[in-house]
Protein backbone atom coordinates (compact mmCIF):
# COMPACT_ATOMS: atom_id res chain seq x y z
CA UNK A 1 -18.87 -28.90 24.48
CA UNK A 2 -16.24 -30.96 26.30
CA UNK A 3 -15.14 -33.24 23.40
CA UNK A 4 -12.03 -31.43 22.10
CA UNK A 5 -11.87 -33.04 18.57
CA UNK A 6 -15.58 -32.42 17.99
CA UNK A 7 -15.23 -28.86 19.28
CA UNK A 8 -12.28 -28.17 16.98
CA UNK A 9 -14.25 -29.43 13.98
CA UNK A 10 -17.20 -27.24 14.89
CA UNK A 11 -14.94 -24.22 15.41
CA UNK A 12 -13.26 -24.83 12.05
CA UNK A 13 -16.64 -25.09 10.34
CA UNK A 14 -17.65 -21.72 11.76
CA UNK A 15 -14.36 -20.05 10.81
CA UNK A 16 -14.68 -21.24 7.20
CA UNK A 17 -17.67 -18.94 6.84
CA UNK A 18 -16.27 -15.74 5.23
CA UNK A 19 -16.70 -13.35 8.16
CA UNK A 20 -14.95 -12.30 11.38
CA UNK A 21 -16.18 -14.03 14.52
CA UNK A 22 -15.95 -12.22 17.85
CA UNK A 23 -14.33 -14.45 20.46
CA UNK A 24 -17.33 -14.07 22.77
CA UNK A 25 -19.75 -15.25 20.09
CA UNK A 26 -17.61 -18.31 19.31
CA UNK A 27 -17.43 -19.13 23.02
CA UNK A 28 -21.19 -18.83 23.33
CA UNK A 29 -21.85 -21.02 20.30
CA UNK A 30 -19.51 -23.74 21.52
CA UNK A 31 -20.50 -23.35 25.18
CA UNK A 32 -16.92 -22.83 26.36
CA UNK A 33 -14.89 -19.97 27.82
CA UNK A 34 -13.05 -17.36 25.69
CA UNK A 35 -9.81 -18.81 27.05
CA UNK A 36 -10.73 -22.23 25.59
CA UNK A 37 -11.42 -20.56 22.25
CA UNK A 38 -7.95 -19.02 22.28
CA UNK A 39 -6.37 -22.42 22.99
CA UNK A 40 -8.43 -24.08 20.24
CA UNK A 41 -7.40 -21.39 17.76
CA UNK A 42 -3.75 -22.11 18.63
CA UNK A 43 -4.40 -25.81 17.96
CA UNK A 44 -5.86 -25.02 14.54
CA UNK A 45 -2.81 -22.90 13.72
CA UNK A 46 -0.56 -25.80 14.68
CA UNK A 47 -2.52 -27.94 12.20
CA UNK A 48 -1.82 -25.46 9.39
CA UNK A 49 -5.01 -23.39 9.39
CA UNK A 50 -4.13 -19.67 9.08
CA UNK A 51 -6.44 -18.13 11.69
CA UNK A 52 -5.99 -14.38 12.05
CA UNK A 53 -6.92 -12.58 15.29
CA UNK A 54 -7.90 -8.91 15.44
CA UNK A 55 -7.15 -6.75 18.48
CA UNK A 56 -9.57 -4.49 20.31
CA UNK A 57 -12.11 -4.47 23.07
CA UNK A 58 -14.09 -7.25 21.43
CA UNK A 59 -11.50 -9.06 19.34
CA UNK A 60 -12.30 -11.53 16.61
CA UNK A 61 -11.03 -14.40 14.51
CA UNK A 62 -11.21 -15.22 10.83
CA UNK A 63 -9.68 -17.78 8.50
CA UNK A 64 -7.45 -16.24 5.83
CA UNK A 65 -5.69 -17.59 2.74
CA UNK A 66 -2.45 -19.36 3.52
CA UNK A 67 0.52 -20.71 1.56
CA UNK A 68 -1.14 -24.13 1.25
CA UNK A 69 -4.73 -25.32 1.36
CA UNK A 70 -5.52 -27.32 4.50
CA UNK A 71 -8.45 -29.76 4.61
CA UNK A 72 -11.89 -28.16 4.28
CA UNK A 73 -15.01 -29.04 6.23
CA UNK A 74 -18.28 -29.07 4.31
CA UNK A 75 -21.80 -29.40 5.58
CA UNK A 76 -24.31 -31.58 3.70
CA UNK A 77 -25.66 -28.81 1.47
CA UNK A 78 -22.17 -27.61 0.53
CA UNK A 79 -20.95 -31.11 -0.28
CA UNK A 80 -23.95 -31.81 -2.53
CA UNK A 81 -23.57 -28.46 -4.32
CA UNK A 82 -19.87 -29.04 -4.99
CA UNK A 83 -20.38 -32.62 -6.19
CA UNK A 84 -23.13 -31.57 -8.61
CA UNK A 85 -20.97 -28.75 -9.94
CA UNK A 86 -17.97 -31.04 -10.39
CA UNK A 87 -20.11 -33.59 -12.21
CA UNK A 88 -21.31 -30.91 -14.61
CA UNK A 89 -17.76 -29.74 -15.23
CA UNK A 90 -16.37 -33.23 -15.69
CA UNK A 91 -19.10 -34.59 -17.93
CA UNK A 92 -18.71 -32.11 -20.78
CA UNK A 93 -14.95 -31.89 -21.27
CA UNK A 94 -14.70 -28.23 -20.33
CA UNK A 95 -11.29 -27.11 -21.49
CA UNK A 96 -8.91 -26.26 -18.67
CA UNK A 97 -10.92 -27.62 -15.73
CA UNK A 98 -12.11 -31.00 -16.95
CA UNK A 99 -9.26 -33.15 -15.64
CA UNK A 100 -9.10 -31.37 -12.27
CA UNK A 101 -12.89 -31.78 -11.95
CA UNK A 102 -12.61 -35.53 -12.36
CA UNK A 103 -9.80 -35.83 -9.79
CA UNK A 104 -11.66 -33.71 -7.25
CA UNK A 105 -14.95 -35.52 -7.89
CA UNK A 106 -13.33 -38.92 -7.40
CA UNK A 107 -11.91 -37.79 -4.04
CA UNK A 108 -15.18 -36.22 -2.89
CA UNK A 109 -17.47 -39.10 -3.87
CA UNK A 110 -15.15 -41.54 -2.11
CA UNK A 111 -15.96 -39.94 1.25
CA UNK A 112 -19.57 -38.84 0.68
CA UNK A 113 -22.09 -40.69 2.88
CA UNK A 114 -24.57 -42.82 0.93
CA UNK A 115 -27.43 -40.42 1.70
CA UNK A 116 -25.53 -37.55 0.06
CA UNK A 117 -24.46 -39.65 -2.94
CA UNK A 118 -28.14 -40.42 -3.48
CA UNK A 119 -29.03 -36.70 -3.37
CA UNK A 120 -26.28 -35.87 -5.87
CA UNK A 121 -27.55 -38.56 -8.26
CA UNK A 122 -31.14 -37.37 -7.95
CA UNK A 123 -30.15 -33.79 -8.76
CA UNK A 124 -27.96 -34.90 -11.65
CA UNK A 125 -30.70 -37.06 -13.18
CA UNK A 126 -33.30 -34.31 -12.85
CA UNK A 127 -31.35 -31.72 -14.84
CA UNK A 128 -30.68 -31.50 -18.57
CA UNK A 129 -27.55 -29.55 -19.58
CA UNK A 130 -27.41 -27.36 -22.68
CA UNK A 131 -24.36 -28.84 -24.38
CA UNK A 132 -22.14 -27.31 -27.05
CA UNK A 133 -22.87 -30.05 -29.58
CA UNK A 134 -19.27 -30.55 -30.75
CA UNK A 135 -18.26 -33.20 -28.25
CA UNK A 136 -19.72 -36.27 -26.58
CA UNK A 137 -21.25 -36.00 -23.12
CA UNK A 138 -20.27 -38.64 -20.57
CA UNK A 139 -21.84 -39.94 -17.40
CA UNK A 140 -19.59 -38.48 -14.65
CA UNK A 141 -19.93 -41.76 -12.74
CA UNK A 142 -18.05 -43.46 -15.58
CA UNK A 143 -15.28 -40.87 -15.35
CA UNK A 144 -14.94 -41.17 -11.58
CA UNK A 145 -14.86 -44.98 -11.78
CA UNK A 146 -12.06 -44.85 -14.35
CA UNK A 147 -10.17 -42.11 -12.47
CA UNK A 148 -10.40 -43.95 -9.14
CA UNK A 149 -9.20 -47.21 -10.70
CA UNK A 150 -6.25 -45.47 -12.39
CA UNK A 151 -5.28 -43.70 -9.15
CA UNK A 152 -5.69 -46.85 -7.06
CA UNK A 153 -3.96 -49.07 -9.65
CA UNK A 154 -6.96 -51.36 -9.85
CA UNK A 155 -7.88 -53.44 -12.88
CA UNK A 156 -11.04 -52.55 -14.79
CA UNK A 157 -13.65 -54.47 -16.74
CA UNK A 158 -15.98 -52.72 -19.17
CA UNK A 159 -17.98 -53.10 -22.37
CA UNK A 160 -16.60 -51.22 -25.36
CA UNK A 161 -18.16 -50.16 -28.65
CA UNK A 162 -15.64 -49.46 -31.42
CA UNK A 163 -16.08 -46.98 -34.24
CA UNK A 164 -17.63 -49.57 -36.56
CA UNK A 165 -20.16 -50.64 -33.90
CA UNK A 166 -18.39 -53.82 -32.79
CA UNK A 167 -19.02 -54.56 -29.10
CA UNK A 168 -16.41 -56.30 -26.96
CA UNK A 169 -15.61 -56.92 -23.30
CA UNK A 170 -12.29 -55.57 -22.08
CA UNK A 171 -10.12 -56.04 -19.01
CA UNK A 172 -7.44 -53.41 -18.66
CA UNK A 173 -4.89 -51.85 -16.36
CA UNK A 174 -5.90 -48.16 -16.47
CA UNK A 175 -3.01 -45.74 -16.74
CA UNK A 176 -4.40 -42.25 -17.26
CA UNK A 177 -7.46 -40.29 -18.38
CA UNK A 178 -6.73 -37.66 -21.04
CA UNK A 179 -9.05 -34.88 -22.18
CA UNK A 180 -8.67 -33.32 -25.64
CA UNK A 181 -11.14 -30.52 -24.88
CA UNK A 182 -13.74 -32.32 -27.02
CA UNK A 183 -13.59 -35.87 -25.71
CA UNK A 184 -12.21 -38.01 -22.91
CA UNK A 185 -9.89 -40.94 -23.59
CA UNK A 186 -8.58 -43.72 -21.34
CA UNK A 187 -4.99 -44.83 -21.87
CA UNK A 188 -4.69 -48.40 -20.58
CA UNK A 189 -2.88 -51.71 -21.00
CA UNK A 190 -5.33 -54.20 -22.54
CA UNK A 191 -4.75 -57.58 -20.87
CA UNK A 192 -6.66 -59.50 -23.55
CA UNK A 193 -4.63 -58.02 -26.41
CA UNK A 194 -1.39 -57.78 -24.42
CA UNK A 195 -0.73 -54.26 -25.66
CA UNK A 196 -1.42 -50.60 -24.91
CA UNK A 197 -4.70 -49.14 -26.15
CA UNK A 198 -6.63 -45.86 -26.03
CA UNK A 199 -10.40 -45.94 -25.53
CA UNK A 200 -12.96 -43.21 -26.12
CA UNK A 201 -14.72 -42.90 -22.78
CA UNK A 202 -18.10 -42.09 -24.36
CA UNK A 203 -17.95 -45.61 -25.86
CA UNK A 204 -17.19 -47.28 -22.52
CA UNK A 205 -20.11 -48.97 -20.81
CA UNK A 206 -20.64 -50.63 -17.42
CA UNK A 207 -17.13 -49.98 -16.03
CA UNK A 208 -16.36 -52.15 -13.02
CA UNK A 209 -13.30 -52.02 -10.76
CA UNK A 210 -12.37 -55.63 -10.08
CA UNK A 211 -10.41 -55.04 -6.86
CA UNK A 212 -7.31 -56.73 -8.34
CA UNK A 213 -4.27 -54.49 -7.91
CA UNK A 214 -1.45 -54.22 -10.43
CA UNK A 215 2.04 -52.78 -10.67
CA UNK A 216 2.02 -49.93 -13.22
CA UNK A 217 3.76 -50.65 -16.51
CA UNK A 218 5.83 -47.94 -18.20
CA UNK A 219 4.35 -46.45 -21.34
CA UNK A 220 6.34 -47.12 -24.52
CA UNK A 221 7.69 -43.55 -24.53
CA UNK A 222 10.50 -41.48 -23.07
CA UNK A 223 10.23 -39.70 -19.72
CA UNK A 224 10.02 -40.65 -16.09
CA UNK A 225 8.51 -39.34 -12.92
CA UNK A 226 5.07 -38.04 -11.99
CA UNK A 227 5.27 -34.93 -14.21
CA UNK A 228 6.26 -36.93 -17.29
CA UNK A 229 3.52 -39.47 -16.60
CA UNK A 230 0.77 -37.05 -17.57
CA UNK A 231 2.73 -35.72 -20.53
CA UNK A 232 3.54 -39.22 -21.80
CA UNK A 233 -0.11 -40.28 -21.70
CA UNK A 234 -1.11 -37.24 -23.76
CA UNK A 235 1.70 -37.84 -26.25
CA UNK A 236 0.78 -41.51 -26.50
CA UNK A 237 -2.83 -40.56 -27.28
CA UNK A 238 -1.72 -38.01 -29.87
CA UNK A 239 0.45 -40.60 -31.62
CA UNK A 240 -2.39 -43.11 -31.57
CA UNK A 241 -4.80 -40.59 -33.08
CA UNK A 242 -2.32 -39.63 -35.79
CA UNK A 243 -1.92 -43.27 -36.79
CA UNK A 244 -5.68 -43.77 -37.11
CA UNK A 245 -6.73 -40.41 -38.62
CA UNK A 246 -5.50 -38.66 -41.76
CA UNK A 247 -3.89 -35.32 -40.99
CA UNK A 248 -5.45 -32.21 -42.50
CA UNK A 249 -3.08 -29.34 -43.32
CA UNK A 250 -5.34 -26.31 -43.16
CA UNK A 251 -4.74 -23.03 -44.98
CA UNK A 252 -7.71 -20.71 -44.45
CA UNK A 253 -8.12 -16.94 -44.91
CA UNK A 254 -10.67 -15.06 -42.77
CA UNK A 255 -12.08 -11.64 -43.50
CA UNK A 256 -11.95 -10.54 -39.85
CA UNK A 257 -9.30 -9.56 -37.28
CA UNK A 258 -7.21 -12.37 -35.80
CA UNK A 259 -8.54 -11.73 -32.27
CA UNK A 260 -12.14 -12.12 -33.49
CA UNK A 261 -11.38 -15.40 -35.27
CA UNK A 262 -9.22 -16.87 -32.48
CA UNK A 263 -12.01 -16.32 -29.95
CA UNK A 264 -14.36 -18.42 -32.10
CA UNK A 265 -12.04 -21.31 -32.99
CA UNK A 266 -11.12 -24.28 -30.75
CA UNK A 267 -7.78 -23.68 -29.03
CA UNK A 268 -6.17 -26.83 -30.45
CA UNK A 269 -6.38 -25.37 -33.97
CA UNK A 270 -3.97 -22.63 -32.95
CA UNK A 271 -4.09 -18.88 -33.51
CA UNK A 272 -4.42 -17.21 -36.93
CA UNK A 273 -1.89 -14.61 -38.02
CA UNK A 274 -2.96 -11.09 -39.14
CA UNK A 275 -2.48 -10.47 -42.87
CA UNK A 276 -2.01 -6.70 -42.53
CA UNK A 277 -5.21 -5.87 -44.40
CA UNK A 278 -7.76 -6.39 -41.63
CA UNK A 279 -8.02 -10.13 -42.16
CA UNK A 280 -6.00 -13.10 -40.93
CA UNK A 281 -4.77 -16.50 -42.07
CA UNK A 282 -4.77 -19.84 -40.27
CA UNK A 283 -2.13 -22.38 -41.21
CA UNK A 284 -2.24 -25.46 -39.01
CA UNK A 285 -2.56 -29.25 -38.96
CA UNK A 286 -5.20 -31.34 -37.23
CA UNK A 287 -6.68 -34.83 -37.21
CA UNK A 288 -10.31 -33.75 -36.82
CA UNK A 289 -12.93 -34.98 -39.28
CA UNK A 290 -13.48 -33.08 -42.51
CA UNK A 291 -17.11 -32.34 -41.60
CA UNK A 292 -16.25 -31.03 -38.14
CA UNK A 293 -13.57 -28.69 -39.51
CA UNK A 294 -15.91 -27.34 -42.20
CA UNK A 295 -18.67 -26.60 -39.69
CA UNK A 296 -16.29 -24.96 -37.20
CA UNK A 297 -14.94 -22.68 -39.93
CA UNK A 298 -18.47 -21.67 -40.87
CA UNK A 299 -19.35 -21.00 -37.22
CA UNK A 300 -16.66 -18.30 -36.99
CA UNK A 301 -19.37 -16.10 -38.58
CA UNK A 302 -17.29 -14.11 -41.03
CA UNK A 303 -16.18 -14.39 -44.66
CA UNK A 304 -13.50 -17.04 -45.16
CA UNK A 305 -11.75 -18.83 -48.00
CA UNK A 306 -10.20 -22.28 -47.74
CA UNK A 307 -6.97 -22.57 -49.73
CA UNK A 308 -6.33 -26.16 -48.71
CA UNK A 309 -6.35 -29.06 -48.36
CA UNK A 310 -8.15 -29.97 -51.63
CA UNK A 311 -10.60 -32.34 -49.93
CA UNK A 312 -11.72 -29.55 -47.58
CA UNK A 313 -12.24 -27.16 -50.52
CA UNK A 314 -14.27 -29.81 -52.34
CA UNK A 315 -16.35 -30.61 -49.26
CA UNK A 316 -17.09 -26.92 -48.57
CA UNK A 317 -18.23 -26.53 -52.19
CA UNK A 318 -20.55 -29.53 -51.84
CA UNK A 319 -21.79 -28.36 -48.44
CA UNK A 320 -22.43 -24.86 -49.72
CA UNK A 321 -24.50 -26.23 -52.60
CA UNK A 322 -26.59 -28.34 -50.24
CA UNK A 323 -27.18 -25.39 -47.90
CA UNK A 324 -28.19 -23.23 -50.85
CA UNK A 325 -30.71 -25.86 -51.98
CA UNK A 326 -32.11 -26.01 -48.47
CA UNK A 327 -33.38 -22.43 -48.91
CA UNK A 328 -35.01 -23.10 -52.31
CA UNK A 329 -38.63 -24.16 -53.01
CA UNK A 330 -38.94 -27.94 -53.30
CA UNK A 331 -39.28 -28.01 -57.11
CA UNK A 332 -36.13 -25.95 -57.72
CA UNK A 333 -34.34 -27.93 -54.99
CA UNK A 334 -34.75 -31.20 -56.95
CA UNK A 335 -33.48 -29.61 -60.18
CA UNK A 336 -30.41 -28.20 -58.44
CA UNK A 337 -29.55 -31.48 -56.72
CA UNK A 338 -28.68 -33.17 -60.03
CA UNK A 339 -26.01 -30.54 -60.72
CA UNK A 340 -24.31 -30.75 -57.35
CA UNK A 341 -20.97 -32.40 -56.77
CA UNK A 342 -21.07 -35.88 -55.25
CA UNK A 343 -20.66 -35.97 -51.48
CA UNK A 344 -17.30 -36.68 -49.91
CA UNK A 345 -16.24 -40.28 -49.41
CA UNK A 346 -18.50 -41.68 -46.64
CA UNK A 347 -15.49 -43.37 -45.07
CA UNK A 348 -13.99 -39.94 -44.36
CA UNK A 349 -17.08 -38.97 -42.36
CA UNK A 350 -16.62 -41.63 -39.73
CA UNK A 351 -14.52 -40.26 -36.88
CA UNK A 352 -11.52 -42.52 -36.58
CA UNK A 353 -11.27 -44.49 -33.35
CA UNK A 354 -7.84 -44.43 -31.68
CA UNK A 355 -8.59 -47.79 -30.06
CA UNK A 356 -6.87 -50.41 -32.22
CA UNK A 357 -8.16 -53.92 -32.56
């Protein structure tokens, strides 16, 4: 193989396999001399790839972990596998890896050949994930379109469905995607409304990058620099959600150790404190819906008692009565229904939409 760049790429691809390659075997595979292999290894080291050589009668080379991650080479099967995995991770708001999945997926899909993009889509469409049920699933293609436009500072057009079902067309300057662990939100400057808005991504449809570039506007918050940019977007979303949703101040006792309860509650609700008697108590605030909080408390799978807020206590009482009736014969179920408390205000059951106007 006389083409040096092509030979280096082939050598790098071989070295990225987790094994030690004897110099003679590498030379045979690339149809060059062992001396050429040694020179090519030196070239890879100059490019930042930490190639380690072992001494001995045979001698060998392997790629080891370095201080920084140099570019990786992937064959077709590896690229498809990684893209499918990233799509799965990005589409379901997996806490801790969701945002990184979207960034990596946007980079990977930008350079995938069309034949591989087609294979990724076919695999994605042919599989059905088992979701957790407490958050909305999103087409990863929507996420990557929004992420690419925000990174490239490119204006977006999309259809949007608000919480009350109203459908509108929007043109925005995307600023940042933010994951809450349950849902994805887009923080953007809405050109039609001449103001900042937050959009639930599961309500975004037909996103289209227009190609028109824009200079980023500063968010109406303190902070500067790339590190503050992410923090400001999250704070902006939190403020927006607080304005649109009533805050629930929870006070709940659980008849189980704090470690048991914490492992079964969403992280954003915080950690309960041991009460010294084998149980624990959770005192926290959140803007989640009343119904969602009640169900998550029940899913902890231990005895618990809600001390507040009053609307949560009332809803749990009503929910408990309905669940009890569900286990009764139909005749007794109708008699019991007349004695039950009225359901909570229907308006409280609609998840508030941070997007304003």
